[in-house]
Amino acid sequence: MIKLYSRIAFSDELPNNFNKVPLDKYEITKGLKMNIITKILIGIIALEHLYILYFEMFAWETIGKRTFKSLPENLFKPTKALAANQGLYNGFLSAGLLWSILISDITWSKNIALFFLICVSVAGIYGALSASRKIFFVQALPALITILCLFLLD
């Protein structure tokens, strides 16, 4: 079994004269978990994509019309299946982000969060370039800020 002593990991076979000074609880847990601010930001982004899943899959002809005012009303019914497909992808992004919060291993948690935040950022940047600049501020910018928090706060 490995134990933490004075910031060094040793096996159980320590010399009898070794002064065992265990780290206090704060030092042991510091850095072993994702920062709460980062988790909250990831959660907000995940909820945003759950909302997008909802309105693209189930409310395209109601909320979609109010959200995408530049599209003619007659296009919402024929594009319902396309929007549902987009909504499904947003659901996968949301699931991945929520998963990253629940992973107990810090390295895996951060790597999974980073992967899905990069996916959200790329999708938001592409959407801003191809559809509306507003998408950058609604999707890409929060993800980019959260990526910064992932590196700077944790």
N, C-alpha and C. Protein backbone atom coordinates (compact mmCIF):
# COMPACT_ATOMS: atom_id res chain seq x y z
N MET A 1 0.84 -1.18 0.00
CA MET A 1 0.00 0.00 0.00
C MET A 1 0.89 1.24 0.00
N ILE A 2 0.46 2.28 -0.73
CA ILE A 2 1.20 3.53 -0.81
C ILE A 2 0.55 4.55 0.12
N LYS A 3 1.36 5.28 0.87
CA LYS A 3 0.86 6.34 1.73
C LYS A 3 1.58 7.63 1.39
N LEU A 4 0.88 8.76 1.60
CA LEU A 4 1.48 10.06 1.34
C LEU A 4 2.14 10.60 2.61
N TYR A 5 3.42 10.92 2.53
CA TYR A 5 4.14 11.53 3.64
C TYR A 5 5.01 12.64 3.08
N SER A 6 4.88 13.80 3.64
CA SER A 6 5.73 14.94 3.26
C SER A 6 5.88 15.10 1.75
N ARG A 7 4.75 15.01 1.06
CA ARG A 7 4.69 15.20 -0.40
C ARG A 7 5.44 14.13 -1.20
N ILE A 8 5.81 13.03 -0.58
CA ILE A 8 6.52 11.95 -1.27
C ILE A 8 5.77 10.65 -1.00
N ALA A 9 5.64 9.81 -2.00
CA ALA A 9 4.99 8.52 -1.81
C ALA A 9 6.03 7.48 -1.47
N PHE A 10 5.81 6.75 -0.39
CA PHE A 10 6.70 5.69 0.04
C PHE A 10 5.89 4.41 0.22
N SER A 11 6.58 3.28 0.19
CA SER A 11 5.90 2.03 0.49
C SER A 11 5.78 1.88 1.99
N ASP A 12 5.06 0.86 2.43
CA ASP A 12 4.85 0.64 3.87
C ASP A 12 6.14 0.29 4.60
N GLU A 13 7.15 -0.18 3.91
CA GLU A 13 8.40 -0.57 4.55
C GLU A 13 9.32 0.62 4.73
N LEU A 14 8.97 1.53 5.63
CA LEU A 14 9.81 2.68 5.94
C LEU A 14 10.71 2.33 7.11
N PRO A 15 11.90 2.91 7.17
CA PRO A 15 12.78 2.66 8.32
C PRO A 15 12.09 3.09 9.62
N ASN A 16 12.38 2.38 10.70
CA ASN A 16 11.75 2.69 11.99
C ASN A 16 12.04 4.10 12.46
N ASN A 17 13.17 4.64 12.12
CA ASN A 17 13.52 5.97 12.59
C ASN A 17 13.02 7.09 11.67
N PHE A 18 12.26 6.74 10.62
CA PHE A 18 11.75 7.75 9.70
C PHE A 18 10.61 8.49 10.37
N ASN A 19 10.68 9.81 10.34
CA ASN A 19 9.65 10.65 10.96
C ASN A 19 8.46 10.76 10.01
N LYS A 20 7.39 10.04 10.33
CA LYS A 20 6.20 10.05 9.48
C LYS A 20 5.35 11.28 9.82
N VAL A 21 5.26 12.21 8.90
CA VAL A 21 4.43 13.40 9.10
C VAL A 21 3.42 13.43 7.96
N PRO A 22 2.21 12.94 8.21
CA PRO A 22 1.22 12.91 7.13
C PRO A 22 0.79 14.33 6.74
N LEU A 23 0.45 14.48 5.49
CA LEU A 23 -0.05 15.76 5.01
C LEU A 23 -1.43 16.00 5.61
N ASP A 24 -1.77 17.25 5.83
CA ASP A 24 -3.11 17.51 6.35
C ASP A 24 -4.14 17.28 5.24
N LYS A 25 -5.40 17.19 5.63
CA LYS A 25 -6.46 16.82 4.69
C LYS A 25 -6.54 17.80 3.52
N TYR A 26 -6.37 19.10 3.78
CA TYR A 26 -6.45 20.09 2.71
C TYR A 26 -5.36 19.85 1.67
N GLU A 27 -4.15 19.60 2.09
CA GLU A 27 -3.06 19.40 1.14
C GLU A 27 -3.26 18.13 0.33
N ILE A 28 -3.83 17.10 0.95
CA ILE A 28 -4.04 15.84 0.23
C ILE A 28 -5.09 16.01 -0.85
N THR A 29 -6.16 16.75 -0.55
CA THR A 29 -7.24 16.89 -1.54
C THR A 29 -7.00 18.02 -2.52
N LYS A 30 -6.12 18.96 -2.20
CA LYS A 30 -5.86 20.08 -3.11
C LYS A 30 -5.27 19.54 -4.41
N GLY A 31 -5.87 19.94 -5.51
CA GLY A 31 -5.37 19.53 -6.82
C GLY A 31 -5.87 18.17 -7.26
N LEU A 32 -6.58 17.46 -6.39
CA LEU A 32 -7.07 16.14 -6.78
C LEU A 32 -8.48 16.19 -7.35
N LYS A 33 -9.11 17.35 -7.29
CA LYS A 33 -10.46 17.49 -7.82
C LYS A 33 -10.52 18.69 -8.74
N MET A 34 -11.47 18.65 -9.65
CA MET A 34 -11.65 19.78 -10.55
C MET A 34 -12.21 20.96 -9.75
N ASN A 35 -11.74 22.14 -10.03
CA ASN A 35 -12.18 23.35 -9.36
C ASN A 35 -13.70 23.49 -9.49
N ILE A 36 -14.35 23.93 -8.41
CA ILE A 36 -15.82 24.05 -8.39
C ILE A 36 -16.31 25.06 -9.43
N ILE A 37 -15.57 26.15 -9.64
CA ILE A 37 -15.96 27.13 -10.65
C ILE A 37 -15.96 26.50 -12.03
N THR A 38 -14.95 25.70 -12.31
CA THR A 38 -14.86 25.02 -13.60
C THR A 38 -16.03 24.05 -13.76
N LYS A 39 -16.34 23.31 -12.70
CA LYS A 39 -17.47 22.38 -12.76
C LYS A 39 -18.79 23.10 -13.01
N ILE A 40 -18.97 24.24 -12.37
CA ILE A 40 -20.20 25.01 -12.56
C ILE A 40 -20.30 25.50 -14.00
N LEU A 41 -19.20 26.01 -14.54
CA LEU A 41 -19.21 26.47 -15.93
C LEU A 41 -19.49 25.33 -16.90
N ILE A 42 -18.88 24.17 -16.65
CA ILE A 42 -19.14 23.00 -17.50
C ILE A 42 -20.62 22.62 -17.39
N GLY A 43 -21.17 22.65 -16.18
CA GLY A 43 -22.58 22.33 -15.98
C GLY A 43 -23.50 23.29 -16.72
N ILE A 44 -23.18 24.57 -16.71
CA ILE A 44 -23.99 25.57 -17.42
C ILE A 44 -23.96 25.30 -18.93
N ILE A 45 -22.78 25.01 -19.45
CA ILE A 45 -22.66 24.72 -20.88
C ILE A 45 -23.42 23.44 -21.22
N ALA A 46 -23.34 22.44 -20.36
CA ALA A 46 -24.07 21.19 -20.59
C ALA A 46 -25.58 21.45 -20.59
N LEU A 47 -26.06 22.28 -19.66
CA LEU A 47 -27.50 22.61 -19.62
C LEU A 47 -27.92 23.38 -20.86
N GLU A 48 -27.06 24.27 -21.32
CA GLU A 48 -27.35 25.01 -22.55
C GLU A 48 -27.55 24.06 -23.72
N HIS A 49 -26.70 23.05 -23.81
CA HIS A 49 -26.81 22.11 -24.92
C HIS A 49 -27.98 21.14 -24.73
N LEU A 50 -28.38 20.89 -23.50
CA LEU A 50 -29.62 20.12 -23.28
C LEU A 50 -30.82 20.93 -23.77
N TYR A 51 -30.81 22.23 -23.51
CA TYR A 51 -31.88 23.09 -23.99
C TYR A 51 -31.92 23.11 -25.52
N ILE A 52 -30.75 23.21 -26.14
CA ILE A 52 -30.68 23.19 -27.60
C ILE A 52 -31.22 21.85 -28.12
N LEU A 53 -30.85 20.74 -27.45
CA LEU A 53 -31.39 19.43 -27.82
C LEU A 53 -32.91 19.48 -27.78
N TYR A 54 -33.46 20.01 -26.70
CA TYR A 54 -34.92 20.05 -26.55
C TYR A 54 -35.59 20.82 -27.69
N PHE A 55 -35.13 22.05 -27.92
CA PHE A 55 -35.87 22.83 -28.92
C PHE A 55 -35.59 22.38 -30.34
N GLU A 56 -34.43 21.81 -30.62
CA GLU A 56 -34.18 21.34 -31.99
C GLU A 56 -34.86 19.99 -32.25
N MET A 57 -35.00 19.17 -31.22
CA MET A 57 -35.62 17.85 -31.43
C MET A 57 -37.13 17.86 -31.22
N PHE A 58 -37.60 18.66 -30.26
CA PHE A 58 -39.01 18.55 -29.88
C PHE A 58 -39.82 19.83 -30.07
N ALA A 59 -39.17 20.97 -30.21
CA ALA A 59 -39.91 22.23 -30.32
C ALA A 59 -39.40 23.07 -31.49
N TRP A 60 -38.96 22.42 -32.54
CA TRP A 60 -38.38 23.12 -33.69
C TRP A 60 -39.39 24.08 -34.33
N GLU A 61 -40.64 23.67 -34.40
CA GLU A 61 -41.63 24.50 -35.08
C GLU A 61 -42.22 25.59 -34.19
N THR A 62 -41.87 25.60 -32.92
CA THR A 62 -42.34 26.67 -32.03
C THR A 62 -41.17 27.54 -31.56
N ILE A 63 -40.31 26.98 -30.71
CA ILE A 63 -39.16 27.74 -30.21
C ILE A 63 -38.19 28.04 -31.35
N GLY A 64 -38.05 27.11 -32.27
CA GLY A 64 -37.15 27.30 -33.40
C GLY A 64 -37.53 28.54 -34.22
N LYS A 65 -38.83 28.74 -34.44
CA LYS A 65 -39.30 29.90 -35.19
C LYS A 65 -38.96 31.20 -34.47
N ARG A 66 -39.08 31.18 -33.14
CA ARG A 66 -38.77 32.40 -32.37
C ARG A 66 -37.26 32.65 -32.30
N THR A 67 -36.48 31.58 -32.32
CA THR A 67 -35.02 31.70 -32.21
C THR A 67 -34.39 32.09 -33.53
N PHE A 68 -34.81 31.44 -34.59
CA PHE A 68 -34.22 31.68 -35.92
C PHE A 68 -35.20 32.49 -36.77
N LYS A 69 -35.33 33.76 -36.44
CA LYS A 69 -36.29 34.64 -37.11
C LYS A 69 -35.92 34.91 -38.57
N SER A 70 -34.65 34.70 -38.92
CA SER A 70 -34.24 34.98 -40.30
C SER A 70 -34.70 33.88 -41.27
N LEU A 71 -35.07 32.72 -40.76
CA LEU A 71 -35.56 31.65 -41.64
C LEU A 71 -37.04 31.87 -41.94
N PRO A 72 -37.44 31.65 -43.18
CA PRO A 72 -38.87 31.75 -43.51
C PRO A 72 -39.67 30.67 -42.78
N GLU A 73 -40.87 31.03 -42.36
CA GLU A 73 -41.71 30.11 -41.58
C GLU A 73 -41.99 28.79 -42.30
N ASN A 74 -42.08 28.85 -43.61
CA ASN A 74 -42.42 27.63 -44.36
C ASN A 74 -41.28 26.60 -44.37
N LEU A 75 -40.07 26.96 -43.88
CA LEU A 75 -38.95 26.02 -43.87
C LEU A 75 -38.89 25.16 -42.60
N PHE A 76 -39.61 25.53 -41.56
CA PHE A 76 -39.47 24.79 -40.31
C PHE A 76 -40.04 23.38 -40.38
N LYS A 77 -41.17 23.20 -40.99
CA LYS A 77 -41.74 21.85 -41.09
C LYS A 77 -40.86 20.91 -41.91
N PRO A 78 -40.41 21.31 -43.13
CA PRO A 78 -39.57 20.39 -43.91
C PRO A 78 -38.17 20.16 -43.32
N THR A 79 -37.72 21.04 -42.45
CA THR A 79 -36.37 20.86 -41.87
C THR A 79 -36.41 20.29 -40.45
N LYS A 80 -37.55 19.81 -40.05
CA LYS A 80 -37.71 19.27 -38.70
C LYS A 80 -36.76 18.10 -38.43
N ALA A 81 -36.60 17.19 -39.37
CA ALA A 81 -35.71 16.04 -39.18
C ALA A 81 -34.24 16.49 -39.12
N LEU A 82 -33.88 17.46 -39.94
CA LEU A 82 -32.50 17.98 -39.90
C LEU A 82 -32.21 18.63 -38.54
N ALA A 83 -33.15 19.40 -38.06
CA ALA A 83 -32.97 20.06 -36.76
C ALA A 83 -32.89 19.02 -35.64
N ALA A 84 -33.69 17.97 -35.73
CA ALA A 84 -33.65 16.92 -34.71
C ALA A 84 -32.28 16.23 -34.70
N ASN A 85 -31.71 16.05 -35.87
CA ASN A 85 -30.37 15.46 -35.96
C ASN A 85 -29.34 16.38 -35.28
N GLN A 86 -29.43 17.67 -35.53
CA GLN A 86 -28.54 18.63 -34.86
C GLN A 86 -28.74 18.59 -33.35
N GLY A 87 -29.99 18.49 -32.94
CA GLY A 87 -30.30 18.43 -31.51
C GLY A 87 -29.68 17.22 -30.85
N LEU A 88 -29.69 16.11 -31.57
CA LEU A 88 -29.09 14.89 -31.04
C LEU A 88 -27.59 15.09 -30.79
N TYR A 89 -26.92 15.74 -31.73
CA TYR A 89 -25.49 16.02 -31.54
C TYR A 89 -25.26 16.92 -30.33
N ASN A 90 -26.13 17.89 -30.13
CA ASN A 90 -26.01 18.74 -28.94
C ASN A 90 -26.22 17.93 -27.67
N GLY A 91 -27.07 16.93 -27.74
CA GLY A 91 -27.27 16.04 -26.60
C GLY A 91 -26.00 15.26 -26.28
N PHE A 92 -25.30 14.82 -27.32
CA PHE A 92 -24.03 14.12 -27.09
C PHE A 92 -23.00 15.03 -26.44
N LEU A 93 -22.95 16.28 -26.88
CA LEU A 93 -22.03 17.25 -26.24
C LEU A 93 -22.38 17.43 -24.77
N SER A 94 -23.65 17.57 -24.50
CA SER A 94 -24.11 17.74 -23.12
C SER A 94 -23.78 16.52 -22.27
N ALA A 95 -24.03 15.34 -22.81
CA ALA A 95 -23.74 14.10 -22.07
C ALA A 95 -22.25 13.99 -21.75
N GLY A 96 -21.41 14.32 -22.73
CA GLY A 96 -19.97 14.25 -22.50
C GLY A 96 -19.51 15.23 -21.44
N LEU A 97 -20.06 16.44 -21.46
CA LEU A 97 -19.69 17.43 -20.45
C LEU A 97 -20.15 17.01 -19.06
N LEU A 98 -21.36 16.50 -18.96
CA LEU A 98 -21.85 16.02 -17.66
C LEU A 98 -21.03 14.83 -17.18
N TRP A 99 -20.67 13.96 -18.08
CA TRP A 99 -19.83 12.81 -17.76
C TRP A 99 -18.50 13.28 -17.18
N SER A 100 -17.93 14.31 -17.77
CA SER A 100 -16.62 14.79 -17.30
C SER A 100 -16.68 15.27 -15.85
N ILE A 101 -17.81 15.78 -15.43
CA ILE A 101 -17.96 16.24 -14.05
C ILE A 101 -18.03 15.05 -13.09
N LEU A 102 -18.58 13.95 -13.55
CA LEU A 102 -18.82 12.79 -12.69
C LEU A 102 -17.63 11.83 -12.58
N ILE A 103 -16.65 11.98 -13.45
CA ILE A 103 -15.49 11.09 -13.43
C ILE A 103 -14.63 11.40 -12.21
N SER A 104 -14.30 10.38 -11.44
CA SER A 104 -13.53 10.60 -10.21
C SER A 104 -12.03 10.77 -10.46
N ASP A 105 -11.49 10.18 -11.49
CA ASP A 105 -10.07 10.33 -11.79
C ASP A 105 -9.82 11.71 -12.40
N ILE A 106 -8.99 12.52 -11.75
CA ILE A 106 -8.81 13.92 -12.14
C ILE A 106 -8.25 14.07 -13.55
N THR A 107 -7.31 13.21 -13.92
CA THR A 107 -6.72 13.31 -15.26
C THR A 107 -7.76 13.03 -16.33
N TRP A 108 -8.52 11.94 -16.15
CA TRP A 108 -9.56 11.61 -17.11
C TRP A 108 -10.65 12.68 -17.13
N SER A 109 -11.03 13.16 -15.96
CA SER A 109 -12.08 14.18 -15.87
C SER A 109 -11.70 15.42 -16.67
N LYS A 110 -10.48 15.90 -16.48
CA LYS A 110 -10.03 17.09 -17.19
C LYS A 110 -9.90 16.84 -18.69
N ASN A 111 -9.38 15.68 -19.07
CA ASN A 111 -9.19 15.38 -20.49
C ASN A 111 -10.53 15.24 -21.22
N ILE A 112 -11.49 14.58 -20.59
CA ILE A 112 -12.82 14.44 -21.20
C ILE A 112 -13.49 15.81 -21.30
N ALA A 113 -13.39 16.60 -20.23
CA ALA A 113 -13.96 17.96 -20.26
C ALA A 113 -13.31 18.78 -21.38
N LEU A 114 -12.00 18.71 -21.47
CA LEU A 114 -11.29 19.47 -22.50
C LEU A 114 -11.73 19.05 -23.90
N PHE A 115 -11.85 17.75 -24.14
CA PHE A 115 -12.28 17.27 -25.45
C PHE A 115 -13.66 17.83 -25.82
N PHE A 116 -14.63 17.71 -24.92
CA PHE A 116 -15.98 18.17 -25.24
C PHE A 116 -16.07 19.69 -25.30
N LEU A 117 -15.28 20.40 -24.49
CA LEU A 117 -15.26 21.86 -24.58
C LEU A 117 -14.65 22.33 -25.90
N ILE A 118 -13.65 21.61 -26.38
CA ILE A 118 -13.07 21.94 -27.70
C ILE A 118 -14.11 21.68 -28.79
N CYS A 119 -14.85 20.58 -28.67
CA CYS A 119 -15.92 20.28 -29.65
C CYS A 119 -16.95 21.41 -29.67
N VAL A 120 -17.37 21.87 -28.50
CA VAL A 120 -18.34 22.96 -28.41
C VAL A 120 -17.74 24.23 -29.03
N SER A 121 -16.47 24.51 -28.73
CA SER A 121 -15.81 25.71 -29.27
C SER A 121 -15.75 25.68 -30.79
N VAL A 122 -15.33 24.55 -31.34
CA VAL A 122 -15.23 24.42 -32.80
C VAL A 122 -16.61 24.56 -33.44
N ALA A 123 -17.61 23.91 -32.86
CA ALA A 123 -18.97 24.03 -33.40
C ALA A 123 -19.47 25.47 -33.32
N GLY A 124 -19.18 26.15 -32.22
CA GLY A 124 -19.60 27.54 -32.07
C GLY A 124 -18.89 28.47 -33.03
N ILE A 125 -17.61 28.25 -33.24
CA ILE A 125 -16.86 29.08 -34.19
C ILE A 125 -17.36 28.84 -35.61
N TYR A 126 -17.58 27.57 -35.96
CA TYR A 126 -18.10 27.26 -37.29
C TYR A 126 -19.49 27.87 -37.48
N GLY A 127 -20.33 27.75 -36.47
CA GLY A 127 -21.67 28.33 -36.54
C GLY A 127 -21.62 29.85 -36.70
N ALA A 128 -20.67 30.48 -36.01
CA ALA A 128 -20.53 31.94 -36.12
C ALA A 128 -20.08 32.34 -37.52
N LEU A 129 -19.22 31.54 -38.13
CA LEU A 129 -18.73 31.85 -39.47
C LEU A 129 -19.77 31.53 -40.56
N SER A 130 -20.57 30.50 -40.33
CA SER A 130 -21.48 30.05 -41.38
C SER A 130 -22.92 30.51 -41.21
N ALA A 131 -23.34 30.82 -39.98
CA ALA A 131 -24.75 31.14 -39.76
C ALA A 131 -24.96 32.51 -39.12
N SER A 132 -24.46 32.68 -37.90
CA SER A 132 -24.70 33.93 -37.18
C SER A 132 -23.57 34.18 -36.19
N ARG A 133 -23.11 35.43 -36.15
CA ARG A 133 -22.03 35.77 -35.21
C ARG A 133 -22.46 35.58 -33.75
N LYS A 134 -23.75 35.64 -33.51
CA LYS A 134 -24.28 35.46 -32.15
C LYS A 134 -23.90 34.09 -31.58
N ILE A 135 -23.78 33.10 -32.43
CA ILE A 135 -23.45 31.74 -31.99
C ILE A 135 -22.08 31.72 -31.30
N PHE A 136 -21.15 32.54 -31.77
CA PHE A 136 -19.85 32.60 -31.11
C PHE A 136 -20.01 33.00 -29.64
N PHE A 137 -20.80 34.01 -29.38
CA PHE A 137 -20.95 34.52 -28.02
C PHE A 137 -21.79 33.60 -27.14
N VAL A 138 -22.72 32.87 -27.75
CA VAL A 138 -23.60 31.99 -26.98
C VAL A 138 -22.96 30.63 -26.72
N GLN A 139 -22.20 30.10 -27.68
CA GLN A 139 -21.64 28.76 -27.52
C GLN A 139 -20.12 28.74 -27.40
N ALA A 140 -19.42 29.34 -28.34
CA ALA A 140 -17.96 29.20 -28.36
C ALA A 140 -17.28 29.96 -27.21
N LEU A 141 -17.66 31.19 -26.98
CA LEU A 141 -16.99 31.98 -25.95
C LEU A 141 -17.10 31.37 -24.56
N PRO A 142 -18.29 30.93 -24.12
CA PRO A 142 -18.34 30.27 -22.79
C PRO A 142 -17.45 29.02 -22.72
N ALA A 143 -17.40 28.26 -23.80
CA ALA A 143 -16.54 27.06 -23.81
C ALA A 143 -15.07 27.45 -23.75
N LEU A 144 -14.68 28.49 -24.48
CA LEU A 144 -13.28 28.93 -24.46
C LEU A 144 -12.89 29.47 -23.08
N ILE A 145 -13.79 30.19 -22.44
CA ILE A 145 -13.53 30.69 -21.08
C ILE A 145 -13.38 29.52 -20.12
N THR A 146 -14.22 28.52 -20.28
CA THR A 146 -14.15 27.34 -19.40
C THR A 146 -12.85 26.57 -19.62
N ILE A 147 -12.39 26.50 -20.87
CA ILE A 147 -11.08 25.86 -21.14
C ILE A 147 -9.98 26.60 -20.40
N LEU A 148 -10.02 27.92 -20.44
CA LEU A 148 -9.04 28.70 -19.69
C LEU A 148 -9.11 28.39 -18.20
N CYS A 149 -10.31 28.34 -17.66
CA CYS A 149 -10.48 28.00 -16.24
C CYS A 149 -9.95 26.61 -15.93
N LEU A 150 -10.15 25.69 -16.85
CA LEU A 150 -9.66 24.32 -16.67
C LEU A 150 -8.15 24.30 -16.49
N PHE A 151 -7.46 25.17 -17.21
CA PHE A 151 -6.00 25.22 -17.11
C PHE A 151 -5.50 26.14 -15.99
N LEU A 152 -6.18 27.26 -15.79
CA LEU A 152 -5.68 28.25 -14.85
C LEU A 152 -6.12 28.03 -13.40
N LEU A 153 -7.31 27.50 -13.19
CA LEU A 153 -7.84 27.35 -11.84
C LEU A 153 -7.54 26.00 -11.21
N ASP A 154 -7.31 25.00 -12.03
CA ASP A 154 -7.12 23.64 -11.49
C ASP A 154 -5.66 23.30 -11.36
